[in-house]
Structure formats: C-alpha cells, structure tokens
N, C-alpha and C. Protein backbone atom coordinates (compact mmCIF):
# COMPACT_ATOMS: atom_id res chain seq x y z
N GLN A 1 0.84 -1.19 0.00
CA GLN A 1 0.00 0.00 0.00
C GLN A 1 0.88 1.24 0.00
N VAL A 2 0.44 2.24 -0.70
CA VAL A 2 1.18 3.49 -0.81
C VAL A 2 0.38 4.59 -0.14
N GLN A 3 1.05 5.38 0.67
CA GLN A 3 0.44 6.57 1.24
C GLN A 3 1.14 7.80 0.68
N LEU A 4 0.35 8.78 0.30
CA LEU A 4 0.86 10.03 -0.21
C LEU A 4 0.38 11.17 0.68
N VAL A 5 1.30 12.04 1.08
CA VAL A 5 0.96 13.15 1.96
C VAL A 5 1.47 14.44 1.35
N GLU A 6 0.54 15.35 1.05
CA GLU A 6 0.91 16.64 0.51
C GLU A 6 1.14 17.64 1.62
N SER A 7 1.98 18.62 1.32
CA SER A 7 2.22 19.73 2.24
C SER A 7 2.67 20.93 1.43
N GLY A 8 2.70 22.08 2.08
CA GLY A 8 3.22 23.28 1.43
C GLY A 8 2.17 24.27 0.97
N GLY A 9 0.91 23.91 1.10
CA GLY A 9 -0.12 24.84 0.71
C GLY A 9 -0.23 26.01 1.68
N GLY A 10 -1.04 27.00 1.31
CA GLY A 10 -1.21 28.14 2.19
C GLY A 10 -1.87 29.29 1.46
N LEU A 11 -1.83 30.44 2.12
CA LEU A 11 -2.41 31.67 1.57
C LEU A 11 -1.27 32.54 1.04
N VAL A 12 -1.42 32.98 -0.19
CA VAL A 12 -0.39 33.80 -0.81
C VAL A 12 -1.05 34.87 -1.67
N GLN A 13 -0.39 35.99 -1.82
CA GLN A 13 -0.92 37.05 -2.67
C GLN A 13 -0.66 36.73 -4.14
N ALA A 14 -1.47 37.28 -4.99
CA ALA A 14 -1.28 37.11 -6.43
C ALA A 14 0.14 37.56 -6.81
N GLY A 15 0.77 36.76 -7.66
CA GLY A 15 2.15 37.02 -8.05
C GLY A 15 3.17 36.30 -7.20
N GLY A 16 2.72 35.73 -6.09
CA GLY A 16 3.62 35.03 -5.20
C GLY A 16 3.90 33.60 -5.63
N SER A 17 4.64 32.90 -4.77
CA SER A 17 5.06 31.53 -5.08
C SER A 17 4.80 30.61 -3.90
N LEU A 18 4.61 29.34 -4.23
CA LEU A 18 4.52 28.28 -3.24
C LEU A 18 5.19 27.04 -3.82
N ARG A 19 5.72 26.20 -2.94
CA ARG A 19 6.23 24.90 -3.37
C ARG A 19 5.50 23.82 -2.61
N LEU A 20 4.77 23.01 -3.35
CA LEU A 20 4.07 21.88 -2.76
C LEU A 20 4.97 20.65 -2.78
N SER A 21 4.83 19.84 -1.74
CA SER A 21 5.57 18.59 -1.66
C SER A 21 4.59 17.44 -1.51
N CYS A 22 4.98 16.29 -2.02
CA CYS A 22 4.18 15.08 -1.89
C CYS A 22 5.13 13.97 -1.49
N ALA A 23 5.02 13.54 -0.24
CA ALA A 23 5.91 12.51 0.29
C ALA A 23 5.22 11.16 0.24
N GLY A 24 5.91 10.19 -0.30
CA GLY A 24 5.37 8.84 -0.38
C GLY A 24 5.90 7.97 0.74
N SER A 25 5.07 7.07 1.20
CA SER A 25 5.50 6.12 2.23
C SER A 25 4.75 4.81 2.02
N GLY A 26 5.19 3.80 2.74
CA GLY A 26 4.58 2.48 2.62
C GLY A 26 5.30 1.64 1.60
N ARG A 27 5.38 2.13 0.43
CA ARG A 27 6.17 1.53 -0.64
C ARG A 27 6.83 2.66 -1.40
N THR A 28 7.96 2.39 -1.99
CA THR A 28 8.66 3.44 -2.69
C THR A 28 7.85 3.91 -3.90
N VAL A 29 7.79 5.21 -4.06
CA VAL A 29 7.12 5.77 -5.23
C VAL A 29 8.13 6.17 -6.29
N SER A 30 9.39 5.79 -6.06
CA SER A 30 10.43 6.19 -7.00
C SER A 30 10.24 5.56 -8.38
N VAL A 31 9.45 4.47 -8.44
CA VAL A 31 9.19 3.87 -9.74
C VAL A 31 7.77 4.19 -10.23
N TYR A 32 7.13 5.12 -9.55
CA TYR A 32 5.77 5.49 -9.93
C TYR A 32 5.77 6.77 -10.76
N ALA A 33 4.91 6.81 -11.76
CA ALA A 33 4.60 8.08 -12.39
C ALA A 33 3.73 8.87 -11.41
N MET A 34 3.95 10.16 -11.35
CA MET A 34 3.25 10.99 -10.37
C MET A 34 2.60 12.18 -11.05
N GLY A 35 1.50 12.60 -10.48
CA GLY A 35 0.80 13.75 -11.03
C GLY A 35 0.29 14.67 -9.95
N TRP A 36 0.04 15.90 -10.33
CA TRP A 36 -0.64 16.88 -9.46
C TRP A 36 -1.96 17.26 -10.13
N PHE A 37 -3.00 17.27 -9.34
CA PHE A 37 -4.32 17.70 -9.78
C PHE A 37 -4.84 18.74 -8.79
N ARG A 38 -5.86 19.47 -9.20
CA ARG A 38 -6.46 20.44 -8.29
C ARG A 38 -7.97 20.45 -8.50
N GLN A 39 -8.66 20.86 -7.44
CA GLN A 39 -10.10 20.95 -7.50
C GLN A 39 -10.58 22.16 -6.74
N ALA A 40 -11.24 23.04 -7.44
CA ALA A 40 -11.84 24.23 -6.83
C ALA A 40 -13.29 23.92 -6.47
N PRO A 41 -13.86 24.64 -5.51
CA PRO A 41 -15.25 24.39 -5.12
C PRO A 41 -16.20 24.48 -6.30
N GLY A 42 -17.04 23.47 -6.44
CA GLY A 42 -18.02 23.46 -7.51
C GLY A 42 -17.48 23.08 -8.87
N LYS A 43 -16.21 22.72 -8.92
CA LYS A 43 -15.60 22.35 -10.21
C LYS A 43 -15.06 20.94 -10.16
N GLU A 44 -14.83 20.37 -11.34
CA GLU A 44 -14.26 19.04 -11.41
C GLU A 44 -12.76 19.08 -11.13
N ARG A 45 -12.24 17.93 -10.73
CA ARG A 45 -10.81 17.81 -10.52
C ARG A 45 -10.11 17.95 -11.87
N GLU A 46 -9.06 18.77 -11.91
CA GLU A 46 -8.39 19.00 -13.17
C GLU A 46 -6.89 18.74 -13.06
N PHE A 47 -6.33 18.30 -14.17
CA PHE A 47 -4.91 18.00 -14.26
C PHE A 47 -4.09 19.28 -14.19
N VAL A 48 -2.95 19.19 -13.49
CA VAL A 48 -2.02 20.31 -13.41
C VAL A 48 -0.67 19.95 -14.05
N ALA A 49 -0.07 18.85 -13.58
CA ALA A 49 1.25 18.47 -14.07
C ALA A 49 1.50 17.00 -13.76
N ALA A 50 2.40 16.38 -14.52
CA ALA A 50 2.75 14.99 -14.29
C ALA A 50 4.22 14.79 -14.61
N ILE A 51 4.79 13.74 -14.02
CA ILE A 51 6.21 13.44 -14.23
C ILE A 51 6.39 11.93 -14.26
N SER A 52 7.26 11.47 -15.15
CA SER A 52 7.54 10.05 -15.24
C SER A 52 8.36 9.60 -14.04
N TRP A 53 8.51 8.28 -13.89
CA TRP A 53 9.20 7.77 -12.71
C TRP A 53 10.66 8.23 -12.67
N SER A 54 11.25 8.41 -13.83
CA SER A 54 12.65 8.82 -13.88
C SER A 54 12.83 10.33 -13.80
N GLY A 55 11.74 11.05 -14.01
CA GLY A 55 11.83 12.51 -14.08
C GLY A 55 12.20 13.02 -15.44
N GLY A 56 12.38 12.11 -16.38
CA GLY A 56 12.82 12.52 -17.70
C GLY A 56 11.73 13.06 -18.59
N SER A 57 10.50 12.86 -18.19
CA SER A 57 9.37 13.32 -18.98
C SER A 57 8.39 14.06 -18.07
N THR A 58 8.03 15.26 -18.47
CA THR A 58 7.06 16.05 -17.71
C THR A 58 5.97 16.56 -18.64
N HIS A 59 4.80 16.78 -18.05
CA HIS A 59 3.65 17.28 -18.82
C HIS A 59 2.94 18.33 -17.97
N TYR A 60 2.37 19.33 -18.64
CA TYR A 60 1.70 20.40 -17.93
C TYR A 60 0.39 20.76 -18.60
N ALA A 61 -0.57 21.17 -17.78
CA ALA A 61 -1.78 21.78 -18.31
C ALA A 61 -1.40 23.14 -18.88
N ASP A 62 -2.17 23.60 -19.84
CA ASP A 62 -1.89 24.90 -20.44
C ASP A 62 -1.85 26.00 -19.38
N SER A 63 -2.70 25.88 -18.37
CA SER A 63 -2.77 26.89 -17.33
C SER A 63 -1.52 26.93 -16.46
N ALA A 64 -0.74 25.84 -16.50
CA ALA A 64 0.44 25.73 -15.66
C ALA A 64 1.74 25.99 -16.41
N LYS A 65 1.71 25.89 -17.70
CA LYS A 65 2.93 26.04 -18.49
C LYS A 65 3.56 27.41 -18.28
N GLY A 66 4.87 27.39 -18.04
CA GLY A 66 5.60 28.64 -17.85
C GLY A 66 5.57 29.19 -16.44
N ARG A 67 4.67 28.64 -15.61
CA ARG A 67 4.56 29.14 -14.22
C ARG A 67 4.87 28.05 -13.19
N PHE A 68 4.49 26.81 -13.49
CA PHE A 68 4.66 25.71 -12.55
C PHE A 68 5.75 24.77 -13.04
N THR A 69 6.44 24.15 -12.10
CA THR A 69 7.45 23.16 -12.44
C THR A 69 7.30 21.94 -11.54
N ILE A 70 7.15 20.77 -12.15
CA ILE A 70 7.08 19.53 -11.39
C ILE A 70 8.46 18.89 -11.39
N SER A 71 8.84 18.33 -10.24
CA SER A 71 10.13 17.67 -10.15
C SER A 71 10.01 16.57 -9.10
N ARG A 72 11.05 15.75 -9.01
CA ARG A 72 11.01 14.68 -8.02
C ARG A 72 12.41 14.38 -7.51
N ASP A 73 12.46 13.90 -6.29
CA ASP A 73 13.69 13.44 -5.67
C ASP A 73 13.43 12.01 -5.23
N ASN A 74 13.83 11.07 -6.03
CA ASN A 74 13.51 9.67 -5.73
C ASN A 74 14.22 9.16 -4.49
N ALA A 75 15.35 9.74 -4.17
CA ALA A 75 16.05 9.35 -2.95
C ALA A 75 15.24 9.72 -1.71
N LYS A 76 14.43 10.77 -1.84
CA LYS A 76 13.58 11.21 -0.72
C LYS A 76 12.13 10.76 -0.89
N ASN A 77 11.87 10.01 -1.96
CA ASN A 77 10.51 9.53 -2.19
C ASN A 77 9.51 10.68 -2.22
N THR A 78 9.90 11.78 -2.84
CA THR A 78 9.10 13.01 -2.79
C THR A 78 9.00 13.64 -4.17
N VAL A 79 7.82 14.17 -4.45
CA VAL A 79 7.56 14.91 -5.68
C VAL A 79 7.19 16.34 -5.30
N TYR A 80 7.60 17.29 -6.11
CA TYR A 80 7.38 18.70 -5.81
C TYR A 80 6.59 19.38 -6.93
N LEU A 81 5.92 20.45 -6.56
CA LEU A 81 5.30 21.33 -7.55
C LEU A 81 5.65 22.76 -7.15
N GLN A 82 6.57 23.36 -7.89
CA GLN A 82 6.93 24.76 -7.68
C GLN A 82 5.96 25.62 -8.47
N MET A 83 5.27 26.51 -7.77
CA MET A 83 4.26 27.35 -8.41
C MET A 83 4.67 28.81 -8.27
N ASN A 84 4.89 29.45 -9.39
CA ASN A 84 5.27 30.86 -9.42
C ASN A 84 4.19 31.68 -10.11
N SER A 85 4.26 32.99 -9.91
CA SER A 85 3.30 33.91 -10.55
C SER A 85 1.87 33.44 -10.32
N LEU A 86 1.56 33.13 -9.10
CA LEU A 86 0.24 32.59 -8.78
C LEU A 86 -0.86 33.61 -9.03
N LYS A 87 -2.01 33.09 -9.46
CA LYS A 87 -3.18 33.90 -9.77
C LYS A 87 -4.35 33.47 -8.88
N PRO A 88 -5.32 34.34 -8.67
CA PRO A 88 -6.49 33.94 -7.87
C PRO A 88 -7.18 32.69 -8.42
N GLU A 89 -7.15 32.50 -9.71
CA GLU A 89 -7.80 31.33 -10.30
C GLU A 89 -7.03 30.04 -10.03
N ASP A 90 -5.85 30.12 -9.44
CA ASP A 90 -5.12 28.92 -9.02
C ASP A 90 -5.62 28.41 -7.67
N THR A 91 -6.50 29.15 -7.03
CA THR A 91 -7.03 28.73 -5.73
C THR A 91 -7.78 27.41 -5.87
N ALA A 92 -7.37 26.42 -5.08
CA ALA A 92 -7.97 25.09 -5.15
C ALA A 92 -7.33 24.20 -4.11
N LEU A 93 -7.91 23.02 -3.96
CA LEU A 93 -7.30 21.96 -3.18
C LEU A 93 -6.41 21.16 -4.13
N TYR A 94 -5.13 21.06 -3.82
CA TYR A 94 -4.17 20.40 -4.70
C TYR A 94 -3.88 18.99 -4.19
N TYR A 95 -3.99 18.03 -5.09
CA TYR A 95 -3.76 16.63 -4.77
C TYR A 95 -2.57 16.09 -5.56
N CYS A 96 -1.80 15.22 -4.94
CA CYS A 96 -0.84 14.45 -5.71
C CYS A 96 -1.38 13.03 -5.87
N ALA A 97 -0.95 12.39 -6.92
CA ALA A 97 -1.43 11.06 -7.25
C ALA A 97 -0.30 10.27 -7.88
N GLY A 98 -0.37 8.95 -7.74
CA GLY A 98 0.69 8.11 -8.29
C GLY A 98 0.16 6.82 -8.86
N THR A 99 0.92 6.26 -9.77
CA THR A 99 0.59 4.98 -10.36
C THR A 99 1.86 4.29 -10.82
N PRO A 100 1.90 2.96 -10.69
CA PRO A 100 3.07 2.23 -11.20
C PRO A 100 3.01 2.02 -12.71
N ARG A 101 1.91 2.41 -13.32
CA ARG A 101 1.76 2.19 -14.75
C ARG A 101 2.29 3.38 -15.56
N SER A 102 2.55 3.13 -16.79
CA SER A 102 2.97 4.21 -17.68
C SER A 102 1.81 5.16 -17.92
N ILE A 103 2.09 6.43 -17.98
CA ILE A 103 1.05 7.43 -18.22
C ILE A 103 1.39 8.28 -19.42
N ILE A 104 2.14 7.70 -20.35
CA ILE A 104 2.59 8.47 -21.51
C ILE A 104 1.43 9.14 -22.21
N LEU A 105 0.33 8.41 -22.36
CA LEU A 105 -0.81 8.96 -23.10
C LEU A 105 -1.97 9.33 -22.18
N THR A 106 -1.87 8.99 -20.90
CA THR A 106 -3.04 9.13 -20.02
C THR A 106 -2.78 9.99 -18.82
N TYR A 107 -1.72 10.78 -18.81
CA TYR A 107 -1.30 11.51 -17.62
C TYR A 107 -2.34 12.50 -17.13
N ALA A 108 -3.23 12.96 -17.99
CA ALA A 108 -4.18 13.99 -17.60
C ALA A 108 -5.48 13.43 -17.02
N PHE A 109 -5.61 12.13 -16.98
CA PHE A 109 -6.87 11.51 -16.54
C PHE A 109 -6.76 11.02 -15.11
N PRO A 110 -7.56 11.57 -14.20
CA PRO A 110 -7.48 11.14 -12.80
C PRO A 110 -7.69 9.64 -12.61
N THR A 111 -8.51 9.03 -13.45
CA THR A 111 -8.82 7.61 -13.29
C THR A 111 -7.62 6.71 -13.55
N GLN A 112 -6.56 7.26 -14.13
CA GLN A 112 -5.38 6.46 -14.43
C GLN A 112 -4.42 6.34 -13.24
N TYR A 113 -4.72 7.06 -12.16
CA TYR A 113 -3.86 7.04 -10.99
C TYR A 113 -4.48 6.17 -9.91
N ASP A 114 -3.63 5.41 -9.24
CA ASP A 114 -4.10 4.43 -8.26
C ASP A 114 -4.08 4.93 -6.83
N TYR A 115 -3.23 5.88 -6.53
CA TYR A 115 -3.07 6.36 -5.16
C TYR A 115 -3.18 7.88 -5.13
N TRP A 116 -3.83 8.37 -4.08
CA TRP A 116 -4.07 9.80 -3.94
C TRP A 116 -3.76 10.25 -2.52
N GLY A 117 -3.27 11.48 -2.41
CA GLY A 117 -3.12 12.10 -1.11
C GLY A 117 -4.42 12.75 -0.67
N GLN A 118 -4.38 13.40 0.49
CA GLN A 118 -5.59 14.01 1.05
C GLN A 118 -5.78 15.45 0.58
N GLY A 119 -4.75 16.01 -0.04
CA GLY A 119 -4.85 17.35 -0.59
C GLY A 119 -4.27 18.41 0.33
N THR A 120 -3.82 19.50 -0.26
CA THR A 120 -3.35 20.66 0.47
C THR A 120 -3.96 21.90 -0.17
N GLN A 121 -4.48 22.80 0.66
CA GLN A 121 -5.21 23.95 0.15
C GLN A 121 -4.25 25.06 -0.27
N VAL A 122 -4.50 25.59 -1.45
CA VAL A 122 -3.78 26.77 -1.94
C VAL A 122 -4.81 27.87 -2.17
N THR A 123 -4.59 29.00 -1.53
CA THR A 123 -5.48 30.14 -1.70
C THR A 123 -4.66 31.34 -2.13
N VAL A 124 -5.04 31.93 -3.26
CA VAL A 124 -4.33 33.07 -3.81
C VAL A 124 -5.26 34.29 -3.74
N SER A 125 -4.84 35.29 -3.01
CA SER A 125 -5.65 36.50 -2.86
C SER A 125 -5.26 37.53 -3.91
N SER A 126 -6.26 38.31 -4.31
CA SER A 126 -6.01 39.32 -5.35
C SER A 126 -5.58 40.64 -4.75
C-alpha cells in the first residue's frame, strides 16, 4: 500500500510563489509516475502536471505552463510542484497522485492514478 501526503499549501498574494511537496510512504514511489491535480469548489478535478518515474518526462496543463514546475527526488521519495506567478484562479485543493503504470498517453486523466493524497489547500488572494 502506498500513502501520499501533501504539504506546502497556504495563503499567498497574487504574483507570489509556493512549493508543494508530496511525500510517499509504505512503498517506494520512485518507480511510480506521479501527477498533481487540483479541484476548486463546484468544479471538477483538473490535471495540473505529471512526471515520469525517472523525471525525464514532464507534462503540464496549459494553465500551468511557464509558471509551474514539477520535479522529483527519488532518494527522498518526494515529488514537488513549484508554483510561481500565482493567480487567484489557481485557488484550489491540490492533490498528488501516483501509479506504477505508464502514463505516456493518459497523464491527464485522474482515473489512471491508483493512489491519492488528502490534498493541500492553496489560496491566492487578489
């Protein structure tokens, strides 16, 4: 069983930055593809970014390109999401997710991930 725990969320002004972390435990997630998703009140969960198990391949939603960076440290069993130039519309509950399967073509679909964290709240004030 894999447990994922997010941290790093908080309240920040527009234009600010946050770095989210997702720590894996129970089993190593170093061989898992990992993704970040977010869900705002009244909206569906949406894809933000994904990274292959090696870190050699990354994918971003259009809304995240140029502002967010996903990375991982497999020695620490941790995945990160660096978020810069934050906007009020980035306000949401951010989740990390993982799967041992390849996500080359399916990285944006929540149903393709087997394990989820409990989420960390990001609030961006205008």
